[in-house]
Amino acid sequence: IYSNLVTFSIMTEYIRLKQHCILIDIRKSLYQMVSRSKSGKKSKFEIKWFLWNKFMRYNLRYSSLYEEMADYNRFWSSYITFIFVFYLLLMAYIVYGFLFGDSSIFTFYVLLFLLNATLLGSIIFICGAVVHRHVQQSQQLVSLVSRFEVNHSKYIRNILKVKLVTYL
């Protein structure tokens, strides 16, 4: 069980790093498009098209990360459910033994209880942090794209030959 927790922690750190790298790439591509469109020189249509495609590739990577997180969720949900049930049963046993048994015998079990309560809390924190980070980064991405679209919609229309609508 503890090896699964270590693996789970490593996997969530991997997702966090992947989220961070993709968001940095998206911001760079947006800022490149903004700097190209704000520059006094008229940049070539091909360069703008290249930057837009680059941004869309990063956006696709971010969307695929969302699907990857859903796959991880489906895979880990049975293990995490089992671990939660195991921890809750173990904690109930330790509390029962501590309340109705000889307290000197259960000193070791109290320490085990604290360890398991800490691990249970860390699982909840790690899972919540991954979801919170993803929601926060999605909001930042929508904000960046909306600001770019509002400020530079004519350049995007020239690139895509369509009218973009922003819902604010």
N, C-alpha and C. Protein backbone atom coordinates (compact mmCIF):
# COMPACT_ATOMS: atom_id res chain seq x y z
N ILE A 1 0.83 -1.19 0.00
CA ILE A 1 0.00 0.00 0.00
C ILE A 1 0.87 1.25 0.00
N TYR A 2 1.93 1.24 0.78
CA TYR A 2 2.77 2.44 0.86
C TYR A 2 3.52 2.68 -0.45
N SER A 3 3.88 1.61 -1.15
CA SER A 3 4.55 1.80 -2.44
C SER A 3 3.59 2.42 -3.45
N ASN A 4 2.31 2.08 -3.38
CA ASN A 4 1.33 2.72 -4.25
C ASN A 4 1.23 4.21 -3.96
N LEU A 5 1.33 4.58 -2.69
CA LEU A 5 1.28 6.00 -2.34
C LEU A 5 2.48 6.75 -2.88
N VAL A 6 3.65 6.13 -2.82
CA VAL A 6 4.85 6.77 -3.37
C VAL A 6 4.70 6.93 -4.88
N THR A 7 4.24 5.89 -5.55
CA THR A 7 4.02 5.95 -6.99
C THR A 7 3.00 7.02 -7.33
N PHE A 8 1.94 7.08 -6.57
CA PHE A 8 0.90 8.09 -6.79
C PHE A 8 1.45 9.49 -6.61
N SER A 9 2.27 9.70 -5.60
CA SER A 9 2.87 11.02 -5.36
C SER A 9 3.79 11.42 -6.50
N ILE A 10 4.58 10.48 -6.99
CA ILE A 10 5.48 10.77 -8.11
C ILE A 10 4.68 11.11 -9.36
N MET A 11 3.61 10.38 -9.60
CA MET A 11 2.78 10.63 -10.76
C MET A 11 2.12 12.01 -10.69
N THR A 12 1.65 12.41 -9.53
CA THR A 12 1.03 13.73 -9.42
C THR A 12 2.06 14.84 -9.59
N GLU A 13 3.28 14.62 -9.13
CA GLU A 13 4.34 15.61 -9.35
C GLU A 13 4.67 15.72 -10.84
N TYR A 14 4.66 14.59 -11.54
CA TYR A 14 4.89 14.59 -12.99
C TYR A 14 3.80 15.40 -13.69
N ILE A 15 2.56 15.21 -13.29
CA ILE A 15 1.46 15.97 -13.91
C ILE A 15 1.63 17.46 -13.61
N ARG A 16 2.03 17.80 -12.39
CA ARG A 16 2.22 19.21 -12.04
C ARG A 16 3.30 19.84 -12.91
N LEU A 17 4.42 19.14 -13.10
CA LEU A 17 5.49 19.68 -13.94
C LEU A 17 5.04 19.81 -15.39
N LYS A 18 4.31 18.84 -15.86
CA LYS A 18 3.82 18.88 -17.23
C LYS A 18 2.85 20.05 -17.41
N GLN A 19 1.96 20.27 -16.45
CA GLN A 19 1.05 21.41 -16.50
C GLN A 19 1.83 22.71 -16.58
N HIS A 20 2.83 22.84 -15.73
CA HIS A 20 3.61 24.06 -15.66
C HIS A 20 4.35 24.33 -16.98
N CYS A 21 4.98 23.30 -17.54
CA CYS A 21 5.73 23.47 -18.79
C CYS A 21 4.81 23.85 -19.95
N ILE A 22 3.66 23.21 -20.04
CA ILE A 22 2.74 23.52 -21.13
C ILE A 22 2.21 24.94 -20.99
N LEU A 23 1.89 25.36 -19.79
CA LEU A 23 1.39 26.72 -19.60
C LEU A 23 2.45 27.76 -19.94
N ILE A 24 3.70 27.49 -19.60
CA ILE A 24 4.79 28.41 -19.97
C ILE A 24 4.90 28.50 -21.49
N ASP A 25 4.82 27.37 -22.19
CA ASP A 25 4.89 27.38 -23.65
C ASP A 25 3.73 28.16 -24.25
N ILE A 26 2.54 28.00 -23.69
CA ILE A 26 1.37 28.74 -24.19
C ILE A 26 1.56 30.23 -23.99
N ARG A 27 2.03 30.63 -22.81
CA ARG A 27 2.27 32.05 -22.56
C ARG A 27 3.32 32.62 -23.51
N LYS A 28 4.40 31.87 -23.73
CA LYS A 28 5.44 32.34 -24.65
C LYS A 28 4.88 32.55 -26.05
N SER A 29 4.09 31.60 -26.52
CA SER A 29 3.55 31.74 -27.88
C SER A 29 2.57 32.91 -27.96
N LEU A 30 1.77 33.12 -26.91
CA LEU A 30 0.87 34.28 -26.91
C LEU A 30 1.65 35.59 -26.91
N TYR A 31 2.69 35.67 -26.09
CA TYR A 31 3.48 36.89 -26.04
C TYR A 31 4.25 37.11 -27.34
N GLN A 32 4.67 36.05 -28.00
CA GLN A 32 5.31 36.20 -29.31
C GLN A 32 4.32 36.76 -30.32
N MET A 33 3.09 36.26 -30.29
CA MET A 33 2.08 36.77 -31.22
C MET A 33 1.78 38.24 -30.92
N VAL A 34 1.71 38.59 -29.64
CA VAL A 34 1.44 39.98 -29.27
C VAL A 34 2.58 40.88 -29.72
N SER A 35 3.82 40.46 -29.46
CA SER A 35 4.96 41.30 -29.83
C SER A 35 5.08 41.42 -31.35
N ARG A 36 4.77 40.37 -32.08
CA ARG A 36 4.80 40.45 -33.55
C ARG A 36 3.72 41.39 -34.06
N SER A 37 2.54 41.33 -33.45
CA SER A 37 1.45 42.16 -33.94
C SER A 37 1.61 43.62 -33.50
N LYS A 38 2.29 43.87 -32.39
CA LYS A 38 2.47 45.25 -31.91
C LYS A 38 3.68 45.92 -32.54
N SER A 39 4.58 45.13 -33.13
CA SER A 39 5.80 45.73 -33.68
C SER A 39 5.44 46.65 -34.84
N GLY A 40 6.26 47.66 -35.03
CA GLY A 40 6.02 48.62 -36.09
C GLY A 40 6.11 47.99 -37.47
N LYS A 41 6.95 46.99 -37.59
CA LYS A 41 7.11 46.33 -38.88
C LYS A 41 5.92 45.41 -39.11
N LYS A 42 5.52 45.37 -40.34
CA LYS A 42 4.46 44.43 -40.69
C LYS A 42 5.10 43.07 -40.88
N SER A 43 4.80 42.17 -39.98
CA SER A 43 5.36 40.83 -40.11
C SER A 43 4.59 40.08 -41.19
N LYS A 44 5.27 39.15 -41.77
CA LYS A 44 4.67 38.41 -42.86
C LYS A 44 3.53 37.54 -42.35
N PHE A 45 2.61 37.31 -43.26
CA PHE A 45 1.45 36.48 -42.94
C PHE A 45 1.89 35.09 -42.52
N GLU A 46 2.94 34.55 -43.14
CA GLU A 46 3.41 33.20 -42.82
C GLU A 46 3.92 33.12 -41.39
N ILE A 47 4.59 34.16 -40.93
CA ILE A 47 5.11 34.16 -39.56
C ILE A 47 3.95 34.16 -38.57
N LYS A 48 2.95 34.99 -38.84
CA LYS A 48 1.78 35.02 -37.96
C LYS A 48 1.08 33.67 -37.96
N TRP A 49 0.94 33.09 -39.14
CA TRP A 49 0.30 31.78 -39.25
C TRP A 49 1.09 30.73 -38.48
N PHE A 50 2.43 30.80 -38.58
CA PHE A 50 3.28 29.86 -37.85
C PHE A 50 3.07 30.02 -36.34
N LEU A 51 3.04 31.27 -35.86
CA LEU A 51 2.85 31.51 -34.43
C LEU A 51 1.48 31.04 -33.97
N TRP A 52 0.46 31.27 -34.79
CA TRP A 52 -0.88 30.81 -34.42
C TRP A 52 -0.92 29.29 -34.34
N ASN A 53 -0.31 28.63 -35.32
CA ASN A 53 -0.28 27.16 -35.29
C ASN A 53 0.50 26.64 -34.09
N LYS A 54 1.58 27.34 -33.74
CA LYS A 54 2.36 26.96 -32.57
C LYS A 54 1.51 27.06 -31.30
N PHE A 55 0.77 28.16 -31.19
CA PHE A 55 -0.12 28.33 -30.05
C PHE A 55 -1.17 27.22 -30.01
N MET A 56 -1.74 26.91 -31.16
CA MET A 56 -2.78 25.88 -31.21
C MET A 56 -2.21 24.50 -30.86
N ARG A 57 -0.96 24.22 -31.23
CA ARG A 57 -0.32 22.95 -30.84
C ARG A 57 -0.18 22.87 -29.33
N TYR A 58 0.26 23.97 -28.70
CA TYR A 58 0.38 23.98 -27.24
C TYR A 58 -0.99 23.82 -26.59
N ASN A 59 -1.98 24.47 -27.16
CA ASN A 59 -3.33 24.35 -26.63
C ASN A 59 -3.83 22.91 -26.75
N LEU A 60 -3.50 22.25 -27.84
CA LEU A 60 -3.87 20.85 -28.02
C LEU A 60 -3.15 19.97 -27.00
N ARG A 61 -1.88 20.28 -26.73
CA ARG A 61 -1.14 19.54 -25.69
C ARG A 61 -1.81 19.71 -24.33
N TYR A 62 -2.27 20.92 -24.04
CA TYR A 62 -2.94 21.17 -22.77
C TYR A 62 -4.25 20.39 -22.69
N SER A 63 -4.98 20.36 -23.78
CA SER A 63 -6.23 19.59 -23.82
C SER A 63 -5.97 18.10 -23.66
N SER A 64 -4.90 17.62 -24.28
CA SER A 64 -4.58 16.19 -24.14
C SER A 64 -4.12 15.88 -22.71
N LEU A 65 -3.51 16.86 -22.03
CA LEU A 65 -3.15 16.66 -20.63
C LEU A 65 -4.41 16.48 -19.78
N TYR A 66 -5.45 17.23 -20.12
CA TYR A 66 -6.73 17.07 -19.41
C TYR A 66 -7.26 15.65 -19.58
N GLU A 67 -7.18 15.12 -20.81
CA GLU A 67 -7.62 13.74 -21.05
C GLU A 67 -6.72 12.75 -20.33
N GLU A 68 -5.42 13.04 -20.28
CA GLU A 68 -4.49 12.16 -19.57
C GLU A 68 -4.82 12.13 -18.07
N MET A 69 -5.16 13.30 -17.52
CA MET A 69 -5.54 13.35 -16.11
C MET A 69 -6.81 12.54 -15.86
N ALA A 70 -7.75 12.58 -16.80
CA ALA A 70 -8.97 11.77 -16.66
C ALA A 70 -8.63 10.28 -16.69
N ASP A 71 -7.67 9.89 -17.54
CA ASP A 71 -7.24 8.48 -17.58
C ASP A 71 -6.58 8.08 -16.26
N TYR A 72 -5.70 8.94 -15.75
CA TYR A 72 -5.08 8.66 -14.45
C TYR A 72 -6.14 8.52 -13.36
N ASN A 73 -7.13 9.39 -13.43
CA ASN A 73 -8.19 9.36 -12.43
C ASN A 73 -8.94 8.02 -12.47
N ARG A 74 -9.26 7.56 -13.69
CA ARG A 74 -9.94 6.27 -13.80
C ARG A 74 -9.06 5.14 -13.28
N PHE A 75 -7.75 5.20 -13.57
CA PHE A 75 -6.84 4.14 -13.14
C PHE A 75 -6.67 4.13 -11.62
N TRP A 76 -6.42 5.31 -11.03
CA TRP A 76 -6.09 5.38 -9.61
C TRP A 76 -7.30 5.35 -8.69
N SER A 77 -8.49 5.58 -9.21
CA SER A 77 -9.65 5.70 -8.31
C SER A 77 -9.90 4.42 -7.52
N SER A 78 -9.72 3.25 -8.14
CA SER A 78 -9.94 2.01 -7.39
C SER A 78 -8.89 1.82 -6.30
N TYR A 79 -7.62 2.14 -6.61
CA TYR A 79 -6.57 2.01 -5.60
C TYR A 79 -6.77 3.00 -4.45
N ILE A 80 -7.08 4.23 -4.79
CA ILE A 80 -7.27 5.25 -3.76
C ILE A 80 -8.49 4.90 -2.90
N THR A 81 -9.54 4.39 -3.52
CA THR A 81 -10.72 3.97 -2.75
C THR A 81 -10.35 2.86 -1.78
N PHE A 82 -9.59 1.88 -2.24
CA PHE A 82 -9.15 0.79 -1.37
C PHE A 82 -8.30 1.32 -0.22
N ILE A 83 -7.39 2.24 -0.54
CA ILE A 83 -6.51 2.80 0.49
C ILE A 83 -7.33 3.58 1.52
N PHE A 84 -8.31 4.37 1.06
CA PHE A 84 -9.15 5.10 1.99
C PHE A 84 -9.90 4.15 2.92
N VAL A 85 -10.48 3.10 2.35
CA VAL A 85 -11.22 2.13 3.17
C VAL A 85 -10.28 1.47 4.17
N PHE A 86 -9.09 1.07 3.71
CA PHE A 86 -8.11 0.44 4.60
C PHE A 86 -7.72 1.38 5.73
N TYR A 87 -7.42 2.64 5.40
CA TYR A 87 -7.02 3.60 6.43
C TYR A 87 -8.15 3.85 7.42
N LEU A 88 -9.36 3.99 6.93
CA LEU A 88 -10.48 4.24 7.84
C LEU A 88 -10.72 3.06 8.77
N LEU A 89 -10.62 1.84 8.24
CA LEU A 89 -10.77 0.66 9.10
C LEU A 89 -9.65 0.59 10.13
N LEU A 90 -8.43 0.86 9.68
CA LEU A 90 -7.29 0.83 10.59
C LEU A 90 -7.43 1.89 11.69
N MET A 91 -7.85 3.08 11.30
CA MET A 91 -8.03 4.14 12.30
C MET A 91 -9.15 3.80 13.27
N ALA A 92 -10.24 3.23 12.77
CA ALA A 92 -11.33 2.83 13.66
C ALA A 92 -10.87 1.76 14.65
N TYR A 93 -10.07 0.81 14.18
CA TYR A 93 -9.55 -0.23 15.06
C TYR A 93 -8.64 0.37 16.13
N ILE A 94 -7.78 1.29 15.72
CA ILE A 94 -6.85 1.89 16.68
C ILE A 94 -7.60 2.73 17.71
N VAL A 95 -8.58 3.49 17.28
CA VAL A 95 -9.37 4.29 18.23
C VAL A 95 -10.14 3.38 19.18
N TYR A 96 -10.72 2.32 18.64
CA TYR A 96 -11.44 1.35 19.48
C TYR A 96 -10.50 0.73 20.51
N GLY A 97 -9.33 0.29 20.07
CA GLY A 97 -8.36 -0.30 20.99
C GLY A 97 -7.86 0.68 22.03
N PHE A 98 -7.67 1.92 21.62
CA PHE A 98 -7.18 2.93 22.55
C PHE A 98 -8.23 3.27 23.60
N LEU A 99 -9.48 3.32 23.19
CA LEU A 99 -10.55 3.67 24.14
C LEU A 99 -10.89 2.52 25.09
N PHE A 100 -10.88 1.29 24.58
CA PHE A 100 -11.34 0.17 25.39
C PHE A 100 -10.24 -0.79 25.82
N GLY A 101 -9.03 -0.53 25.45
CA GLY A 101 -7.93 -1.42 25.81
C GLY A 101 -6.96 -0.76 26.77
N ASP A 102 -5.88 -1.44 27.03
CA ASP A 102 -4.81 -0.93 27.89
C ASP A 102 -4.03 0.11 27.08
N SER A 103 -4.00 1.34 27.57
CA SER A 103 -3.39 2.43 26.81
C SER A 103 -1.88 2.26 26.66
N SER A 104 -1.22 1.57 27.57
CA SER A 104 0.23 1.39 27.43
C SER A 104 0.56 0.45 26.26
N ILE A 105 -0.31 -0.49 25.98
CA ILE A 105 -0.08 -1.40 24.86
C ILE A 105 -0.29 -0.67 23.53
N PHE A 106 -1.20 0.27 23.52
CA PHE A 106 -1.56 0.92 22.27
C PHE A 106 -0.75 2.18 21.96
N THR A 107 0.34 2.41 22.67
CA THR A 107 1.18 3.58 22.38
C THR A 107 1.74 3.50 20.97
N PHE A 108 2.21 2.32 20.58
CA PHE A 108 2.71 2.13 19.21
C PHE A 108 1.60 2.37 18.20
N TYR A 109 0.41 1.91 18.51
CA TYR A 109 -0.70 2.06 17.58
C TYR A 109 -1.16 3.51 17.46
N VAL A 110 -0.97 4.28 18.50
CA VAL A 110 -1.29 5.71 18.41
C VAL A 110 -0.35 6.38 17.42
N LEU A 111 0.93 6.02 17.47
CA LEU A 111 1.88 6.55 16.49
C LEU A 111 1.53 6.09 15.08
N LEU A 112 1.13 4.84 14.95
CA LEU A 112 0.69 4.33 13.65
C LEU A 112 -0.55 5.07 13.17
N PHE A 113 -1.45 5.35 14.10
CA PHE A 113 -2.65 6.11 13.77
C PHE A 113 -2.28 7.49 13.24
N LEU A 114 -1.35 8.17 13.90
CA LEU A 114 -0.94 9.50 13.46
C LEU A 114 -0.28 9.44 12.08
N LEU A 115 0.54 8.40 11.85
CA LEU A 115 1.17 8.24 10.54
C LEU A 115 0.11 8.03 9.46
N ASN A 116 -0.83 7.16 9.72
CA ASN A 116 -1.86 6.89 8.72
C ASN A 116 -2.78 8.09 8.50
N ALA A 117 -3.08 8.83 9.56
CA ALA A 117 -3.89 10.04 9.41
C ALA A 117 -3.15 11.07 8.57
N THR A 118 -1.84 11.17 8.78
CA THR A 118 -1.02 12.09 7.98
C THR A 118 -1.00 11.66 6.52
N LEU A 119 -0.83 10.37 6.27
CA LEU A 119 -0.84 9.89 4.88
C LEU A 119 -2.19 10.10 4.22
N LEU A 120 -3.25 9.88 4.94
CA LEU A 120 -4.59 10.10 4.40
C LEU A 120 -4.79 11.58 4.07
N GLY A 121 -4.35 12.45 4.96
CA GLY A 121 -4.43 13.88 4.69
C GLY A 121 -3.59 14.30 3.51
N SER A 122 -2.41 13.70 3.37
CA SER A 122 -1.55 14.05 2.24
C SER A 122 -2.14 13.59 0.92
N ILE A 123 -2.80 12.44 0.91
CA ILE A 123 -3.47 11.98 -0.32
C ILE A 123 -4.55 12.98 -0.71
N ILE A 124 -5.34 13.40 0.25
CA ILE A 124 -6.40 14.37 -0.04
C ILE A 124 -5.80 15.68 -0.53
N PHE A 125 -4.73 16.14 0.10
CA PHE A 125 -4.09 17.39 -0.31
C PHE A 125 -3.51 17.28 -1.71
N ILE A 126 -2.82 16.19 -2.02
CA ILE A 126 -2.20 16.02 -3.33
C ILE A 126 -3.26 15.99 -4.43
N CYS A 127 -4.32 15.21 -4.21
CA CYS A 127 -5.38 15.13 -5.21
C CYS A 127 -6.05 16.48 -5.42
N GLY A 128 -6.32 17.17 -4.34
CA GLY A 128 -6.93 18.49 -4.44
C GLY A 128 -6.03 19.51 -5.10
N ALA A 129 -4.72 19.42 -4.85
CA ALA A 129 -3.78 20.37 -5.45
C ALA A 129 -3.70 20.21 -6.96
N VAL A 130 -3.71 18.98 -7.45
CA VAL A 130 -3.66 18.76 -8.89
C VAL A 130 -4.89 19.35 -9.57
N VAL A 131 -6.06 19.09 -9.00
CA VAL A 131 -7.29 19.61 -9.58
C VAL A 131 -7.32 21.13 -9.49
N HIS A 132 -6.95 21.68 -8.34
CA HIS A 132 -6.95 23.14 -8.16
C HIS A 132 -6.00 23.81 -9.14
N ARG A 133 -4.81 23.23 -9.32
CA ARG A 133 -3.84 23.79 -10.26
C ARG A 133 -4.39 23.76 -11.68
N HIS A 134 -5.04 22.66 -12.05
CA HIS A 134 -5.57 22.56 -13.40
C HIS A 134 -6.67 23.60 -13.64
N VAL A 135 -7.55 23.78 -12.68
CA VAL A 135 -8.62 24.77 -12.82
C VAL A 135 -8.02 26.17 -12.89
N GLN A 136 -7.06 26.46 -12.04
CA GLN A 136 -6.42 27.77 -12.02
C GLN A 136 -5.71 28.05 -13.35
N GLN A 137 -4.98 27.08 -13.86
CA GLN A 137 -4.27 27.28 -15.12
C GLN A 137 -5.23 27.39 -16.29
N SER A 138 -6.33 26.68 -16.26
CA SER A 138 -7.34 26.80 -17.31
C SER A 138 -7.93 28.21 -17.31
N GLN A 139 -8.19 28.76 -16.14
CA GLN A 139 -8.71 30.12 -16.05
C GLN A 139 -7.69 31.13 -16.56
N GLN A 140 -6.41 30.93 -16.23
CA GLN A 140 -5.37 31.82 -16.74
C GLN A 140 -5.28 31.75 -18.25
N LEU A 141 -5.38 30.54 -18.79
CA LEU A 141 -5.30 30.37 -20.23
C LEU A 141 -6.47 31.06 -20.93
N VAL A 142 -7.67 30.89 -20.40
CA VAL A 142 -8.84 31.56 -20.99
C VAL A 142 -8.68 33.07 -20.90
N SER A 143 -8.17 33.56 -19.80
CA SER A 143 -7.95 35.00 -19.64
C SER A 143 -6.93 35.52 -20.64
N LEU A 144 -5.81 34.80 -20.80
CA LEU A 144 -4.79 35.23 -21.75
C LEU A 144 -5.32 35.24 -23.18
N VAL A 145 -6.01 34.20 -23.56
CA VAL A 145 -6.54 34.11 -24.91
C VAL A 145 -7.61 35.18 -25.14
N SER A 146 -8.44 35.43 -24.14
CA SER A 146 -9.47 36.47 -24.27
C SER A 146 -8.85 37.85 -24.43
N ARG A 147 -7.83 38.14 -23.61
CA ARG A 147 -7.16 39.44 -23.74
C ARG A 147 -6.50 39.58 -25.10
N PHE A 148 -5.87 38.52 -25.55
CA PHE A 148 -5.22 38.57 -26.86
C PHE A 148 -6.26 38.77 -27.95
N GLU A 149 -7.36 38.07 -27.87
CA GLU A 149 -8.40 38.18 -28.89
C GLU A 149 -9.02 39.57 -28.90
N VAL A 150 -9.27 40.14 -27.72
CA VAL A 150 -9.86 41.47 -27.65
C VAL A 150 -8.90 42.52 -28.21
N ASN A 151 -7.63 42.42 -27.87
CA ASN A 151 -6.66 43.43 -28.30
C ASN A 151 -6.18 43.24 -29.73
N HIS A 152 -6.21 42.02 -30.23
CA HIS A 152 -5.60 41.74 -31.53
C HIS A 152 -6.53 40.94 -32.43
N SER A 153 -7.82 41.21 -32.35
CA SER A 153 -8.77 40.41 -33.12
C SER A 153 -8.59 40.58 -34.62
N LYS A 154 -8.17 41.77 -35.08
CA LYS A 154 -8.02 41.95 -36.52
C LYS A 154 -6.87 41.09 -37.06
N TYR A 155 -5.83 40.89 -36.26
CA TYR A 155 -4.73 40.04 -36.71
C TYR A 155 -5.17 38.57 -36.77
N ILE A 156 -5.96 38.18 -35.79
CA ILE A 156 -6.45 36.79 -35.80
C ILE A 156 -7.40 36.58 -36.96
N ARG A 157 -8.26 37.58 -37.23
CA ARG A 157 -9.17 37.45 -38.38
C ARG A 157 -8.39 37.35 -39.67
N ASN A 158 -7.29 38.12 -39.77
CA ASN A 158 -6.46 38.02 -40.97
C ASN A 158 -5.84 36.64 -41.10
N ILE A 159 -5.44 36.07 -39.98
CA ILE A 159 -4.82 34.75 -40.02
C ILE A 159 -5.84 33.68 -40.34
N LEU A 160 -6.95 33.71 -39.65
CA LEU A 160 -7.93 32.63 -39.78
C LEU A 160 -9.01 32.91 -40.80
N LYS A 161 -9.15 34.15 -41.21
CA LYS A 161 -10.21 34.56 -42.12
C LYS A 161 -11.60 34.28 -41.55
N VAL A 162 -11.72 34.42 -40.22
CA VAL A 162 -13.02 34.26 -39.55
C VAL A 162 -13.15 35.33 -38.48
N LYS A 163 -14.36 35.53 -38.01
CA LYS A 163 -14.60 36.46 -36.91
C LYS A 163 -14.68 35.65 -35.62
N LEU A 164 -13.85 36.00 -34.64
CA LEU A 164 -13.85 35.32 -33.35
C LEU A 164 -14.76 36.08 -32.39
N VAL A 165 -15.47 35.34 -31.57
CA VAL A 165 -16.36 35.93 -30.58
C VAL A 165 -15.85 35.56 -29.21
N THR A 166 -15.70 36.56 -28.35
CA THR A 166 -15.24 36.31 -26.98
C THR A 166 -16.42 36.44 -26.04
N TYR A 167 -16.58 35.47 -25.17
CA TYR A 167 -17.63 35.50 -24.16
C TYR A 167 -16.99 35.88 -22.84
N LEU A 168 -17.21 37.11 -22.42
CA LEU A 168 -16.64 37.57 -21.15
C LEU A 168 -17.71 37.68 -20.11
